[in-house]
Amino acid sequence: MDVPASIRPLAAAHLRDALTAATEQRLPDAVGALMSIDSESWTAIAARLRELGTSVPALIARATEGTAPDA
């Protein structure tokens, strides 16, 4: 039986920060937050999101929907 990889609390906070930044159209900040996630947590996050039928890119895209500045 495989032991699922764990998501460190700091990695969860970075993911939250990335999604928050994406909703606020601060994409460089979103990328920076994602790049701060350690590899073990990243693997665990991706696995859990796959189980839910989604991915990090899909979450970021969803977070940015409807938040584009008015033209």
Protein backbone atom coordinates (compact mmCIF):
# COMPACT_ATOMS: atom_id res chain seq x y z
CA MET A 1 0.00 0.00 0.00
CA ASP A 2 1.42 3.35 -1.03
CA VAL A 3 1.60 6.07 1.57
CA PRO A 4 0.27 9.29 0.06
CA ALA A 5 2.73 12.14 -0.04
CA SER A 6 1.97 14.89 2.41
CA ILE A 7 1.37 18.53 1.70
CA ARG A 8 3.35 20.74 4.03
CA PRO A 9 1.38 23.59 5.62
CA LEU A 10 3.67 26.18 4.03
CA ALA A 11 3.03 24.65 0.60
CA ALA A 12 -0.72 24.87 1.17
CA ALA A 13 -0.26 28.53 2.10
CA HIS A 14 1.75 29.13 -1.09
CA LEU A 15 -1.00 27.51 -3.17
CA ARG A 16 -3.60 29.71 -1.45
CA ASP A 17 -1.43 32.77 -2.12
CA ALA A 18 -1.08 31.78 -5.78
CA LEU A 19 -4.83 31.44 -6.21
CA THR A 20 -5.44 34.73 -4.41
CA ALA A 21 -2.88 36.50 -6.59
CA ALA A 22 -4.45 35.00 -9.72
CA THR A 23 -7.90 36.30 -8.78
CA GLU A 24 -6.35 39.74 -8.32
CA GLN A 25 -4.59 39.57 -11.72
CA ARG A 26 -1.16 39.56 -10.06
CA LEU A 27 0.14 36.73 -12.21
CA PRO A 28 3.86 37.24 -11.44
CA ASP A 29 3.00 36.88 -7.75
CA ALA A 30 0.96 33.76 -8.52
CA VAL A 31 3.89 32.22 -10.36
CA GLY A 32 6.27 33.15 -7.55
CA ALA A 33 4.02 31.51 -4.97
CA LEU A 34 3.76 28.34 -7.06
CA MET A 35 7.54 28.23 -7.48
CA SER A 36 7.93 28.34 -3.69
CA ILE A 37 6.18 24.98 -3.24
CA ASP A 38 8.60 22.17 -2.37
CA SER A 39 8.72 19.19 -4.72
CA GLU A 40 7.20 16.63 -2.33
CA SER A 41 4.24 18.87 -1.59
CA TRP A 42 3.90 19.72 -5.29
CA THR A 43 3.64 16.01 -6.11
CA ALA A 44 1.03 15.54 -3.38
CA ILE A 45 -0.99 18.58 -4.49
CA ALA A 46 -0.99 17.38 -8.10
CA ALA A 47 -2.04 13.86 -7.05
CA ARG A 48 -4.90 15.11 -4.92
CA LEU A 49 -6.11 17.46 -7.63
CA ARG A 50 -6.00 14.59 -10.17
CA GLU A 51 -8.22 12.59 -7.81
CA LEU A 52 -10.65 15.51 -7.90
CA GLY A 53 -10.48 15.69 -11.68
CA THR A 54 -8.58 18.94 -11.96
CA SER A 55 -5.06 20.40 -11.98
CA VAL A 56 -3.12 23.43 -10.82
CA PRO A 57 -3.33 25.10 -14.25
CA ALA A 58 -7.09 24.53 -14.27
CA LEU A 59 -7.40 26.09 -10.79
CA ILE A 60 -5.39 29.14 -11.88
CA ALA A 61 -7.49 29.50 -15.03
CA ARG A 62 -10.66 29.22 -12.95
CA ALA A 63 -9.36 31.79 -10.47
CA THR A 64 -8.72 34.29 -13.25
CA GLU A 65 -12.09 33.84 -14.97
CA GLY A 66 -14.11 37.01 -14.96
CA THR A 67 -11.35 39.02 -13.33
CA ALA A 68 -9.89 40.62 -16.46
CA PRO A 69 -9.76 44.40 -16.29
CA ASP A 70 -12.37 46.24 -18.32
CA ALA A 71 -11.19 47.17 -21.79
